[in-house]
Amino acid sequence: MDLDHLLTSLLALPRESEWVEFKHNNDAPEEIGEYVSALANSAALHGKEGGYLVWGVEDVTQRIVGTTAPPGSGRSATSR
């Protein structure tokens, strides 16, 4: 899968949808888990191959802004 092409196609959508969500710096494991579950279910209901949760993009403007949420280092529920 060409990730550049995928990102370009997701950013070409008029806005977020039931199966696409843009986030800037969300690193809360509980919220991420809920988003993943909801996006997967919504994608299936809309006949999509999968849902997408994209970090580093503002949700309203769909402008690429980067993120400070490093992959794989989300906070654990016990570290709060």
C-alpha atoms as a PDB file:
ATOM      1  CA  MET A   1       0.000   0.000   0.000  1.00  0.00           C
ATOM      2  CA  ASP A   2       1.335   3.417  -0.974  1.00  0.00           C
ATOM      3  CA  LEU A   3       0.908   5.507   2.193  1.00  0.00           C
ATOM      4  CA  ASP A   4       1.467   8.811   0.380  1.00  0.00           C
ATOM      5  CA  HIS A   5      -1.354   7.986  -2.022  1.00  0.00           C
ATOM      6  CA  LEU A   6      -3.587   6.856   0.841  1.00  0.00           C
ATOM      7  CA  LEU A   7      -2.999  10.054   2.820  1.00  0.00           C
ATOM      8  CA  THR A   8      -3.598  12.185  -0.270  1.00  0.00           C
ATOM      9  CA  SER A   9      -6.886  10.401  -0.950  1.00  0.00           C
ATOM     10  CA  LEU A  10      -8.030  10.735   2.680  1.00  0.00           C
ATOM     11  CA  LEU A  11      -7.172  14.444   2.713  1.00  0.00           C
ATOM     12  CA  ALA A  12      -9.146  14.877  -0.528  1.00  0.00           C
ATOM     13  CA  LEU A  13     -12.349  13.923   1.297  1.00  0.00           C
ATOM     14  CA  PRO A  14     -14.539  16.943   2.066  1.00  0.00           C
ATOM     15  CA  ARG A  15     -14.348  16.214   5.824  1.00  0.00           C
ATOM     16  CA  GLU A  16     -13.925  13.429   8.354  1.00  0.00           C
ATOM     17  CA  SER A  17     -16.416  10.612   7.986  1.00  0.00           C
ATOM     18  CA  GLU A  18     -17.703   7.640   9.928  1.00  0.00           C
ATOM     19  CA  TRP A  19     -14.617   5.711   8.797  1.00  0.00           C
ATOM     20  CA  VAL A  20     -11.937   8.482   8.750  1.00  0.00           C
ATOM     21  CA  GLU A  21     -10.795  10.492  11.762  1.00  0.00           C
ATOM     22  CA  PHE A  22      -7.966  13.036  11.915  1.00  0.00           C
ATOM     23  CA  LYS A  23      -6.137  13.764  15.172  1.00  0.00           C
ATOM     24  CA  HIS A  24      -3.353  16.127  16.111  1.00  0.00           C
ATOM     25  CA  ASN A  25      -1.825  14.890  19.384  1.00  0.00           C
ATOM     26  CA  ASN A  26      -4.232  12.415  21.000  1.00  0.00           C
ATOM     27  CA  ASP A  27      -2.297   9.793  22.948  1.00  0.00           C
ATOM     28  CA  ALA A  28      -5.014   8.626  25.380  1.00  0.00           C
ATOM     29  CA  PRO A  29      -5.181   4.821  25.070  1.00  0.00           C
ATOM     30  CA  GLU A  30      -8.845   4.541  26.097  1.00  0.00           C
ATOM     31  CA  GLU A  31      -9.951   7.108  23.510  1.00  0.00           C
ATOM     32  CA  ILE A  32      -7.794   5.561  20.814  1.00  0.00           C
ATOM     33  CA  GLY A  33      -9.293   2.141  21.526  1.00  0.00           C
ATOM     34  CA  GLU A  34     -12.796   3.549  21.248  1.00  0.00           C
ATOM     35  CA  TYR A  35     -11.941   5.294  17.972  1.00  0.00           C
ATOM     36  CA  VAL A  36     -10.398   2.149  16.475  1.00  0.00           C
ATOM     37  CA  SER A  37     -13.439   0.080  17.362  1.00  0.00           C
ATOM     38  CA  ALA A  38     -15.913   2.679  16.082  1.00  0.00           C
ATOM     39  CA  LEU A  39     -13.967   3.275  12.855  1.00  0.00           C
ATOM     40  CA  ALA A  40     -13.711  -0.457  12.128  1.00  0.00           C
ATOM     41  CA  ASN A  41     -17.426  -0.988  12.703  1.00  0.00           C
ATOM     42  CA  SER A  42     -18.371   2.066  10.631  1.00  0.00           C
ATOM     43  CA  ALA A  43     -16.071   1.028   7.786  1.00  0.00           C
ATOM     44  CA  ALA A  44     -17.718  -2.397   7.683  1.00  0.00           C
ATOM     45  CA  LEU A  45     -21.187  -0.837   7.660  1.00  0.00           C
ATOM     46  CA  HIS A  46     -20.174   1.456   4.769  1.00  0.00           C
ATOM     47  CA  GLY A  47     -18.534  -1.297   2.730  1.00  0.00           C
ATOM     48  CA  LYS A  48     -14.987   0.052   3.183  1.00  0.00           C
ATOM     49  CA  GLU A  49     -11.889  -2.122   3.573  1.00  0.00           C
ATOM     50  CA  GLY A  50     -11.047  -0.430   6.858  1.00  0.00           C
ATOM     51  CA  GLY A  51     -11.241   2.710   8.910  1.00  0.00           C
ATOM     52  CA  TYR A  52      -8.470   5.261   9.313  1.00  0.00           C
ATOM     53  CA  LEU A  53      -7.260   7.189  12.337  1.00  0.00           C
ATOM     54  CA  VAL A  54      -4.650   9.646  11.075  1.00  0.00           C
ATOM     55  CA  TRP A  55      -2.332  11.562  13.423  1.00  0.00           C
ATOM     56  CA  GLY A  56      -0.769  14.898  12.549  1.00  0.00           C
ATOM     57  CA  VAL A  57      -3.763  16.362  10.711  1.00  0.00           C
ATOM     58  CA  GLU A  58      -6.153  19.033  12.023  1.00  0.00           C
ATOM     59  CA  ASP A  59      -9.670  17.655  11.863  1.00  0.00           C
ATOM     60  CA  VAL A  60     -11.451  20.860  10.757  1.00  0.00           C
ATOM     61  CA  THR A  61      -8.958  22.238   8.217  1.00  0.00           C
ATOM     62  CA  GLN A  62      -7.419  18.882   7.241  1.00  0.00           C
ATOM     63  CA  ARG A  63      -4.075  20.674   7.277  1.00  0.00           C
ATOM     64  CA  ILE A  64      -0.993  18.553   7.977  1.00  0.00           C
ATOM     65  CA  VAL A  65       0.468  19.885  11.230  1.00  0.00           C
ATOM     66  CA  GLY A  66       2.521  16.982  12.575  1.00  0.00           C
ATOM     67  CA  THR A  67       2.179  15.418  15.995  1.00  0.00           C
ATOM     68  CA  THR A  68       4.055  15.084  19.240  1.00  0.00           C
ATOM     69  CA  ALA A  69       2.339  11.766  20.005  1.00  0.00           C
ATOM     70  CA  PRO A  70       5.073   9.207  19.254  1.00  0.00           C
ATOM     71  CA  PRO A  71       3.872   5.836  17.959  1.00  0.00           C
ATOM     72  CA  GLY A  72       3.833   3.004  20.431  1.00  0.00           C
ATOM     73  CA  SER A  73       4.379   5.184  23.488  1.00  0.00           C
ATOM     74  CA  GLY A  74       0.817   5.940  24.526  1.00  0.00           C
ATOM     75  CA  ARG A  75       0.137   6.473  28.201  1.00  0.00           C
ATOM     76  CA  SER A  76      -1.125   3.500  30.093  1.00  0.00           C
ATOM     77  CA  ALA A  77      -4.227   3.749  32.248  1.00  0.00           C
ATOM     78  CA  THR A  78      -2.080   3.247  35.342  1.00  0.00           C
ATOM     79  CA  SER A  79       0.407   6.013  34.522  1.00  0.00           C
ATOM     80  CA  ARG A  80      -2.046   8.896  34.901  1.00  0.00           C
END
